Amino acid sequence: MGFLGFLLLGLIAGAIAKLIIPGKQAGGWFVTLLLGVVGALLGGWLGSLIFDVGLGSFFSLSTWLLAIGGSQLVLVIYGAIAGRRSKR
């Protein structure tokens, strides 16, 4: 998968993760892109460790599931950190 394909995967996975996680998340499309790319990297790394499946092809179902799952994890962690800062 190329660089632009990976950015598109991160943007879409981050947007889907924001739709799945309940509540209001901070950040616009750029934060969604960053969280999605970091989540896709994290999901691919965890998937290769646990399931022996990485981020292969753009159109692979396992690639999308790992990217969305990783994005959800990153979004929850980001929300916990950003939420704690804003309550001070």
PDB file of N, CA and C in Angstrom:
ATOM      1  N   MET A   1       0.858  -1.169   0.000  1.00  0.00           N
ATOM      2  CA  MET A   1       0.000   0.000   0.000  1.00  0.00           C
ATOM      3  C   MET A   1       0.900   1.226   0.000  1.00  0.00           C
ATOM      4  N   GLY A   2       0.551   2.195  -0.805  1.00  0.00           N
ATOM      5  CA  GLY A   2       1.344   3.401  -0.915  1.00  0.00           C
ATOM      6  C   GLY A   2       1.059   4.394   0.202  1.00  0.00           C
ATOM      7  N   PHE A   3       1.827   5.466   0.193  1.00  0.00           N
ATOM      8  CA  PHE A   3       1.718   6.494   1.232  1.00  0.00           C
ATOM      9  C   PHE A   3       0.346   7.170   1.204  1.00  0.00           C
ATOM     10  N   LEU A   4      -0.133   7.554   0.014  1.00  0.00           N
ATOM     11  CA  LEU A   4      -1.441   8.208  -0.069  1.00  0.00           C
ATOM     12  C   LEU A   4      -2.565   7.253   0.294  1.00  0.00           C
ATOM     13  N   GLY A   5      -2.422   5.986  -0.072  1.00  0.00           N
ATOM     14  CA  GLY A   5      -3.415   4.991   0.311  1.00  0.00           C
ATOM     15  C   GLY A   5      -3.475   4.821   1.820  1.00  0.00           C
ATOM     16  N   PHE A   6      -2.310   4.854   2.460  1.00  0.00           N
ATOM     17  CA  PHE A   6      -2.265   4.737   3.911  1.00  0.00           C
ATOM     18  C   PHE A   6      -2.886   5.959   4.579  1.00  0.00           C
ATOM     19  N   LEU A   7      -2.657   7.159   4.026  1.00  0.00           N
ATOM     20  CA  LEU A   7      -3.290   8.360   4.581  1.00  0.00           C
ATOM     21  C   LEU A   7      -4.807   8.304   4.415  1.00  0.00           C
ATOM     22  N   LEU A   8      -5.270   7.832   3.270  1.00  0.00           N
ATOM     23  CA  LEU A   8      -6.712   7.701   3.042  1.00  0.00           C
ATOM     24  C   LEU A   8      -7.302   6.662   3.989  1.00  0.00           C
ATOM     25  N   LEU A   9      -6.601   5.551   4.176  1.00  0.00           N
ATOM     26  CA  LEU A   9      -7.044   4.526   5.122  1.00  0.00           C
ATOM     27  C   LEU A   9      -7.144   5.112   6.527  1.00  0.00           C
ATOM     28  N   GLY A  10      -6.148   5.886   6.944  1.00  0.00           N
ATOM     29  CA  GLY A  10      -6.159   6.498   8.270  1.00  0.00           C
ATOM     30  C   GLY A  10      -7.290   7.494   8.447  1.00  0.00           C
ATOM     31  N   LEU A  11      -7.548   8.297   7.428  1.00  0.00           N
ATOM     32  CA  LEU A  11      -8.626   9.282   7.511  1.00  0.00           C
ATOM     33  C   LEU A  11      -9.981   8.607   7.629  1.00  0.00           C
ATOM     34  N   ILE A  12     -10.219   7.602   6.799  1.00  0.00           N
ATOM     35  CA  ILE A  12     -11.511   6.918   6.829  1.00  0.00           C
ATOM     36  C   ILE A  12     -11.658   6.093   8.103  1.00  0.00           C
ATOM     37  N   ALA A  13     -10.592   5.403   8.511  1.00  0.00           N
ATOM     38  CA  ALA A  13     -10.656   4.605   9.749  1.00  0.00           C
ATOM     39  C   ALA A  13     -10.866   5.505  10.959  1.00  0.00           C
ATOM     40  N   GLY A  14     -10.213   6.654  10.995  1.00  0.00           N
ATOM     41  CA  GLY A  14     -10.415   7.592  12.093  1.00  0.00           C
ATOM     42  C   GLY A  14     -11.830   8.135  12.136  1.00  0.00           C
ATOM     43  N   ALA A  15     -12.404   8.422  10.964  1.00  0.00           N
ATOM     44  CA  ALA A  15     -13.781   8.922  10.911  1.00  0.00           C
ATOM     45  C   ALA A  15     -14.770   7.852  11.358  1.00  0.00           C
ATOM     46  N   ILE A  16     -14.550   6.614  10.940  1.00  0.00           N
ATOM     47  CA  ILE A  16     -15.434   5.520  11.368  1.00  0.00           C
ATOM     48  C   ILE A  16     -15.304   5.293  12.860  1.00  0.00           C
ATOM     49  N   ALA A  17     -14.083   5.368  13.381  1.00  0.00           N
ATOM     50  CA  ALA A  17     -13.873   5.198  14.825  1.00  0.00           C
ATOM     51  C   ALA A  17     -14.587   6.303  15.603  1.00  0.00           C
ATOM     52  N   LYS A  18     -14.568   7.533  15.091  1.00  0.00           N
ATOM     53  CA  LYS A  18     -15.278   8.634  15.760  1.00  0.00           C
ATOM     54  C   LYS A  18     -16.781   8.410  15.741  1.00  0.00           C
ATOM     55  N   LEU A  19     -17.289   7.775  14.682  1.00  0.00           N
ATOM     56  CA  LEU A  19     -18.722   7.489  14.619  1.00  0.00           C
ATOM     57  C   LEU A  19     -19.117   6.372  15.576  1.00  0.00           C
ATOM     58  N   ILE A  20     -18.230   5.415  15.784  1.00  0.00           N
ATOM     59  CA  ILE A  20     -18.539   4.269  16.635  1.00  0.00           C
ATOM     60  C   ILE A  20     -18.449   4.632  18.115  1.00  0.00           C
ATOM     61  N   ILE A  21     -17.433   5.394  18.501  1.00  0.00           N
ATOM     62  CA  ILE A  21     -17.242   5.774  19.908  1.00  0.00           C
ATOM     63  C   ILE A  21     -18.330   6.786  20.281  1.00  0.00           C
ATOM     64  N   PRO A  22     -19.108   6.515  21.351  1.00  0.00           N
ATOM     65  CA  PRO A  22     -20.168   7.469  21.725  1.00  0.00           C
ATOM     66  C   PRO A  22     -19.598   8.738  22.343  1.00  0.00           C
ATOM     67  N   GLY A  23     -20.369   9.791  22.260  1.00  0.00           N
ATOM     68  CA  GLY A  23     -19.959  11.065  22.841  1.00  0.00           C
ATOM     69  C   GLY A  23     -19.337  11.989  21.809  1.00  0.00           C
ATOM     70  N   LYS A  24     -18.954  13.164  22.280  1.00  0.00           N
ATOM     71  CA  LYS A  24     -18.366  14.165  21.397  1.00  0.00           C
ATOM     72  C   LYS A  24     -16.853  14.131  21.547  1.00  0.00           C
ATOM     73  N   GLN A  25     -16.163  13.934  20.425  1.00  0.00           N
ATOM     74  CA  GLN A  25     -14.703  13.929  20.437  1.00  0.00           C
ATOM     75  C   GLN A  25     -14.197  15.260  19.898  1.00  0.00           C
ATOM     76  N   ALA A  26     -13.090  15.688  20.445  1.00  0.00           N
ATOM     77  CA  ALA A  26     -12.480  16.942  20.004  1.00  0.00           C
ATOM     78  C   ALA A  26     -11.708  16.722  18.715  1.00  0.00           C
ATOM     79  N   GLY A  27     -11.475  17.800  18.006  1.00  0.00           N
ATOM     80  CA  GLY A  27     -10.623  17.740  16.822  1.00  0.00           C
ATOM     81  C   GLY A  27     -11.413  17.750  15.531  1.00  0.00           C
ATOM     82  N   GLY A  28     -10.784  18.296  14.528  1.00  0.00           N
ATOM     83  CA  GLY A  28     -11.380  18.339  13.204  1.00  0.00           C
ATOM     84  C   GLY A  28     -10.848  17.222  12.325  1.00  0.00           C
ATOM     85  N   TRP A  29     -10.841  17.481  11.031  1.00  0.00           N
ATOM     86  CA  TRP A  29     -10.431  16.431  10.086  1.00  0.00           C
ATOM     87  C   TRP A  29      -8.942  16.125  10.184  1.00  0.00           C
ATOM     88  N   PHE A  30      -8.105  17.121  10.524  1.00  0.00           N
ATOM     89  CA  PHE A  30      -6.672  16.872  10.619  1.00  0.00           C
ATOM     90  C   PHE A  30      -6.346  15.993  11.825  1.00  0.00           C
ATOM     91  N   VAL A  31      -6.995  16.252  12.958  1.00  0.00           N
ATOM     92  CA  VAL A  31      -6.805  15.417  14.144  1.00  0.00           C
ATOM     93  C   VAL A  31      -7.338  14.014  13.863  1.00  0.00           C
ATOM     94  N   THR A  32      -8.453  13.921  13.147  1.00  0.00           N
ATOM     95  CA  THR A  32      -8.997  12.618  12.759  1.00  0.00           C
ATOM     96  C   THR A  32      -8.005  11.869  11.890  1.00  0.00           C
ATOM     97  N   LEU A  33      -7.368  12.576  10.955  1.00  0.00           N
ATOM     98  CA  LEU A  33      -6.362  11.958  10.089  1.00  0.00           C
ATOM     99  C   LEU A  33      -5.185  11.451  10.910  1.00  0.00           C
ATOM    100  N   LEU A  34      -4.677  12.280  11.810  1.00  0.00           N
ATOM    101  CA  LEU A  34      -3.535  11.864  12.633  1.00  0.00           C
ATOM    102  C   LEU A  34      -3.876  10.686  13.531  1.00  0.00           C
ATOM    103  N   LEU A  35      -5.029  10.753  14.195  1.00  0.00           N
ATOM    104  CA  LEU A  35      -5.436   9.653  15.062  1.00  0.00           C
ATOM    105  C   LEU A  35      -5.690   8.388  14.262  1.00  0.00           C
ATOM    106  N   GLY A  36      -6.243   8.531  13.065  1.00  0.00           N
ATOM    107  CA  GLY A  36      -6.493   7.371  12.213  1.00  0.00           C
ATOM    108  C   GLY A  36      -5.211   6.717  11.727  1.00  0.00           C
ATOM    109  N   VAL A  37      -4.220   7.523  11.341  1.00  0.00           N
ATOM    110  CA  VAL A  37      -2.945   6.976  10.875  1.00  0.00           C
ATOM    111  C   VAL A  37      -2.211   6.300  12.029  1.00  0.00           C
ATOM    112  N   VAL A  38      -2.183   6.949  13.190  1.00  0.00           N
ATOM    113  CA  VAL A  38      -1.542   6.339  14.360  1.00  0.00           C
ATOM    114  C   VAL A  38      -2.298   5.070  14.757  1.00  0.00           C
ATOM    115  N   GLY A  39      -3.618   5.123  14.694  1.00  0.00           N
ATOM    116  CA  GLY A  39      -4.422   3.944  15.010  1.00  0.00           C
ATOM    117  C   GLY A  39      -4.213   2.813  14.024  1.00  0.00           C
ATOM    118  N   ALA A  40      -4.072   3.136  12.747  1.00  0.00           N
ATOM    119  CA  ALA A  40      -3.812   2.103  11.748  1.00  0.00           C
ATOM    120  C   ALA A  40      -2.443   1.470  11.980  1.00  0.00           C
ATOM    121  N   LEU A  41      -1.463   2.280  12.316  1.00  0.00           N
ATOM    122  CA  LEU A  41      -0.142   1.729  12.637  1.00  0.00           C
ATOM    123  C   LEU A  41      -0.206   0.833  13.873  1.00  0.00           C
ATOM    124  N   LEU A  42      -0.882   1.308  14.906  1.00  0.00           N
ATOM    125  CA  LEU A  42      -1.022   0.529  16.128  1.00  0.00           C
ATOM    126  C   LEU A  42      -1.804  -0.755  15.869  1.00  0.00           C
ATOM    127  N   GLY A  43      -2.903  -0.652  15.135  1.00  0.00           N
ATOM    128  CA  GLY A  43      -3.706  -1.828  14.816  1.00  0.00           C
ATOM    129  C   GLY A  43      -2.937  -2.835  13.975  1.00  0.00           C
ATOM    130  N   GLY A  44      -2.163  -2.373  13.011  1.00  0.00           N
ATOM    131  CA  GLY A  44      -1.345  -3.267  12.204  1.00  0.00           C
ATOM    132  C   GLY A  44      -0.265  -3.951  13.018  1.00  0.00           C
ATOM    133  N   TRP A  45       0.345  -3.197  13.931  1.00  0.00           N
ATOM    134  CA  TRP A  45       1.385  -3.774  14.774  1.00  0.00           C
ATOM    135  C   TRP A  45       0.801  -4.818  15.723  1.00  0.00           C
ATOM    136  N   LEU A  46      -0.320  -4.473  16.390  1.00  0.00           N
ATOM    137  CA  LEU A  46      -0.952  -5.426  17.293  1.00  0.00           C
ATOM    138  C   LEU A  46      -1.493  -6.636  16.538  1.00  0.00           C
ATOM    139  N   GLY A  47      -2.033  -6.405  15.352  1.00  0.00           N
ATOM    140  CA  GLY A  47      -2.543  -7.513  14.545  1.00  0.00           C
ATOM    141  C   GLY A  47      -1.449  -8.467  14.113  1.00  0.00           C
ATOM    142  N   SER A  48      -0.270  -7.924  13.808  1.00  0.00           N
ATOM    143  CA  SER A  48       0.837  -8.797  13.419  1.00  0.00           C
ATOM    144  C   SER A  48       1.383  -9.566  14.625  1.00  0.00           C
ATOM    145  N   LEU A  49       1.307  -8.978  15.807  1.00  0.00           N
ATOM    146  CA  LEU A  49       1.762  -9.678  17.015  1.00  0.00           C
ATOM    147  C   LEU A  49       0.777 -10.748  17.467  1.00  0.00           C
ATOM    148  N   ILE A  50      -0.495 -10.398  17.503  1.00  0.00           N
ATOM    149  CA  ILE A  50      -1.502 -11.298  18.073  1.00  0.00           C
ATOM    150  C   ILE A  50      -2.015 -12.310  17.047  1.00  0.00           C
ATOM    151  N   PHE A  51      -2.406 -11.827  15.857  1.00  0.00           N
ATOM    152  CA  PHE A  51      -3.071 -12.684  14.870  1.00  0.00           C
ATOM    153  C   PHE A  51      -2.181 -13.083  13.707  1.00  0.00           C
ATOM    154  N   ASP A  52      -0.955 -12.597  13.659  1.00  0.00           N
ATOM    155  CA  ASP A  52      -0.031 -12.827  12.551  1.00  0.00           C
ATOM    156  C   ASP A  52      -0.609 -12.312  11.228  1.00  0.00           C
ATOM    157  N   VAL A  53      -1.343 -11.191  11.321  1.00  0.00           N
ATOM    158  CA  VAL A  53      -1.934 -10.534  10.150  1.00  0.00           C
ATOM    159  C   VAL A  53      -1.587  -9.057  10.250  1.00  0.00           C
ATOM    160  N   GLY A  54      -1.022  -8.492   9.206  1.00  0.00           N
ATOM    161  CA  GLY A  54      -0.662  -7.078   9.213  1.00  0.00           C
ATOM    162  C   GLY A  54      -1.529  -6.280   8.263  1.00  0.00           C
ATOM    163  N   LEU A  55      -1.108  -5.069   7.994  1.00  0.00           N
ATOM    164  CA  LEU A  55      -1.798  -4.204   7.047  1.00  0.00           C
ATOM    165  C   LEU A  55      -1.290  -4.536   5.652  1.00  0.00           C
ATOM    166  N   GLY A  56      -2.006  -5.390   4.965  1.00  0.00           N
ATOM    167  CA  GLY A  56      -1.563  -5.837   3.649  1.00  0.00           C
ATOM    168  C   GLY A  56      -2.061  -4.935   2.540  1.00  0.00           C
ATOM    169  N   SER A  57      -3.193  -5.241   2.028  1.00  0.00           N
ATOM    170  CA  SER A  57      -3.776  -4.549   0.888  1.00  0.00           C
ATOM    171  C   SER A  57      -4.802  -3.524   1.368  1.00  0.00           C
ATOM    172  N   PHE A  58      -5.018  -2.496   0.574  1.00  0.00           N
ATOM    173  CA  PHE A  58      -5.978  -1.457   0.916  1.00  0.00           C
ATOM    174  C   PHE A  58      -7.395  -2.019   0.968  1.00  0.00           C
ATOM    175  N   PHE A  59      -7.696  -2.977   0.114  1.00  0.00           N
ATOM    176  CA  PHE A  59      -9.059  -3.509   0.006  1.00  0.00           C
ATOM    177  C   PHE A  59      -9.268  -4.781   0.825  1.00  0.00           C
ATOM    178  N   SER A  60      -8.359  -5.092   1.720  1.00  0.00           N
ATOM    179  CA  SER A  60      -8.479  -6.274   2.569  1.00  0.00           C
ATOM    180  C   SER A  60      -9.333  -5.949   3.795  1.00  0.00           C
ATOM    181  N   LEU A  61     -10.247  -6.861   4.121  1.00  0.00           N
ATOM    182  CA  LEU A  61     -11.119  -6.651   5.274  1.00  0.00           C
ATOM    183  C   LEU A  61     -10.314  -6.611   6.569  1.00  0.00           C
ATOM    184  N   SER A  62      -9.290  -7.457   6.673  1.00  0.00           N
ATOM    185  CA  SER A  62      -8.476  -7.470   7.895  1.00  0.00           C
ATOM    186  C   SER A  62      -7.731  -6.154   8.084  1.00  0.00           C
ATOM    187  N   THR A  63      -7.287  -5.541   6.993  1.00  0.00           N
ATOM    188  CA  THR A  63      -6.627  -4.240   7.073  1.00  0.00           C
ATOM    189  C   THR A  63      -7.567  -3.202   7.658  1.00  0.00           C
ATOM    190  N   TRP A  64      -8.796  -3.164   7.174  1.00  0.00           N
ATOM    191  CA  TRP A  64      -9.768  -2.176   7.643  1.00  0.00           C
ATOM    192  C   TRP A  64     -10.161  -2.423   9.100  1.00  0.00           C
ATOM    193  N   LEU A  65     -10.373  -3.683   9.460  1.00  0.00           N
ATOM    194  CA  LEU A  65     -10.748  -3.982  10.842  1.00  0.00           C
ATOM    195  C   LEU A  65      -9.630  -3.632  11.817  1.00  0.00           C
ATOM    196  N   LEU A  66      -8.392  -3.936  11.446  1.00  0.00           N
ATOM    197  CA  LEU A  66      -7.259  -3.582  12.311  1.00  0.00           C
ATOM    198  C   LEU A  66      -7.098  -2.070  12.412  1.00  0.00           C
ATOM    199  N   ALA A  67      -7.256  -1.360  11.303  1.00  0.00           N
ATOM    200  CA  ALA A  67      -7.109   0.097  11.316  1.00  0.00           C
ATOM    201  C   ALA A  67      -8.207   0.761  12.134  1.00  0.00           C
ATOM    202  N   ILE A  68      -9.437   0.299  12.000  1.00  0.00           N
ATOM    203  CA  ILE A  68     -10.543   0.891  12.758  1.00  0.00           C
ATOM    204  C   ILE A  68     -10.405   0.563  14.239  1.00  0.00           C
ATOM    205  N   GLY A  69     -10.048  -0.676  14.565  1.00  0.00           N
ATOM    206  CA  GLY A  69      -9.850  -1.051  15.964  1.00  0.00           C
ATOM    207  C   GLY A  69      -8.717  -0.279  16.618  1.00  0.00           C
ATOM    208  N   GLY A  70      -7.611  -0.126  15.897  1.00  0.00           N
ATOM    209  CA  GLY A  70      -6.506   0.665  16.419  1.00  0.00           C
ATOM    210  C   GLY A  70      -6.875   2.125  16.583  1.00  0.00           C
ATOM    211  N   SER A  71      -7.663   2.644  15.643  1.00  0.00           N
ATOM    212  CA  SER A  71      -8.113   4.039  15.732  1.00  0.00           C
ATOM    213  C   SER A  71      -9.035   4.245  16.924  1.00  0.00           C
ATOM    214  N   GLN A  72      -9.875   3.269  17.203  1.00  0.00           N
ATOM    215  CA  GLN A  72     -10.739   3.373  18.377  1.00  0.00           C
ATOM    216  C   GLN A  72      -9.912   3.400  19.657  1.00  0.00           C
ATOM    217  N   LEU A  73      -8.913   2.557  19.717  1.00  0.00           N
ATOM    218  CA  LEU A  73      -8.047   2.527  20.894  1.00  0.00           C
ATOM    219  C   LEU A  73      -7.320   3.854  21.079  1.00  0.00           C
ATOM    220  N   VAL A  74      -6.774   4.394  20.002  1.00  0.00           N
ATOM    221  CA  VAL A  74      -6.067   5.682  20.067  1.00  0.00           C
ATOM    222  C   VAL A  74      -7.041   6.805  20.424  1.00  0.00           C
ATOM    223  N   LEU A  75      -8.264   6.753  19.890  1.00  0.00           N
ATOM    224  CA  LEU A  75      -9.257   7.784  20.177  1.00  0.00           C
ATOM    225  C   LEU A  75      -9.663   7.770  21.650  1.00  0.00           C
ATOM    226  N   VAL A  76      -9.807   6.591  22.237  1.00  0.00           N
ATOM    227  CA  VAL A  76     -10.151   6.495  23.662  1.00  0.00           C
ATOM    228  C   VAL A  76      -9.014   7.047  24.520  1.00  0.00           C
ATOM    229  N   ILE A  77      -7.784   6.694  24.171  1.00  0.00           N
ATOM    230  CA  ILE A  77      -6.627   7.195  24.922  1.00  0.00           C
ATOM    231  C   ILE A  77      -6.513   8.705  24.771  1.00  0.00           C
ATOM    232  N   TYR A  78      -6.686   9.210  23.544  1.00  0.00           N
ATOM    233  CA  TYR A  78      -6.623  10.657  23.300  1.00  0.00           C
ATOM    234  C   TYR A  78      -7.734  11.387  24.056  1.00  0.00           C
ATOM    235  N   GLY A  79      -8.927  10.813  24.079  1.00  0.00           N
ATOM    236  CA  GLY A  79     -10.042  11.428  24.804  1.00  0.00           C
ATOM    237  C   GLY A  79      -9.795  11.487  26.297  1.00  0.00           C
ATOM    238  N   ALA A  80      -9.156  10.446  26.842  1.00  0.00           N
ATOM    239  CA  ALA A  80      -8.845  10.443  28.273  1.00  0.00           C
ATOM    240  C   ALA A  80      -7.804  11.501  28.596  1.00  0.00           C
ATOM    241  N   ILE A  81      -6.814  11.662  27.734  1.00  0.00           N
ATOM    242  CA  ILE A  81      -5.772  12.660  27.974  1.00  0.00           C
ATOM    243  C   ILE A  81      -6.298  14.073  27.757  1.00  0.00           C
ATOM    244  N   ALA A  82      -7.015  14.282  26.655  1.00  0.00           N
ATOM    245  CA  ALA A  82      -7.557  15.622  26.356  1.00  0.00           C
ATOM    246  C   ALA A  82      -8.647  16.015  27.323  1.00  0.00           C
ATOM    247  N   GLY A  83      -9.467  15.063  27.771  1.00  0.00           N
ATOM    248  CA  GLY A  83     -10.524  15.354  28.729  1.00  0.00           C
ATOM    249  C   GLY A  83      -9.992  15.728  30.084  1.00  0.00           C
ATOM    250  N   ARG A  84      -8.894  15.102  30.467  1.00  0.00           N
ATOM    251  CA  ARG A  84      -8.277  15.413  31.764  1.00  0.00           C
ATOM    252  C   ARG A  84      -7.661  16.803  31.746  1.00  0.00           C
ATOM    253  N   ARG A  85      -7.102  17.208  30.626  1.00  0.00           N
ATOM    254  CA  ARG A  85      -6.502  18.543  30.529  1.00  0.00           C
ATOM    255  C   ARG A  85      -7.541  19.647  30.545  1.00  0.00           C
ATOM    256  N   SER A  86      -8.702  19.411  29.898  1.00  0.00           N
ATOM    257  CA  SER A  86      -9.686  20.480  29.786  1.00  0.00           C
ATOM    258  C   SER A  86     -10.461  20.710  31.088  1.00  0.00           C
ATOM    259  N   LYS A  87     -10.419  19.781  32.017  1.00  0.00           N
ATOM    260  CA  LYS A  87     -11.160  19.939  33.281  1.00  0.00           C
ATOM    261  C   LYS A  87     -10.368  20.683  34.330  1.00  0.00           C
ATOM    262  N   ARG A  88      -9.150  21.033  34.035  1.00  0.00           N
ATOM    263  CA  ARG A  88      -8.344  21.764  35.012  1.00  0.00           C
ATOM    264  C   ARG A  88      -8.701  23.203  35.064  1.00  0.00           C
TER     265      ARG A  88
END
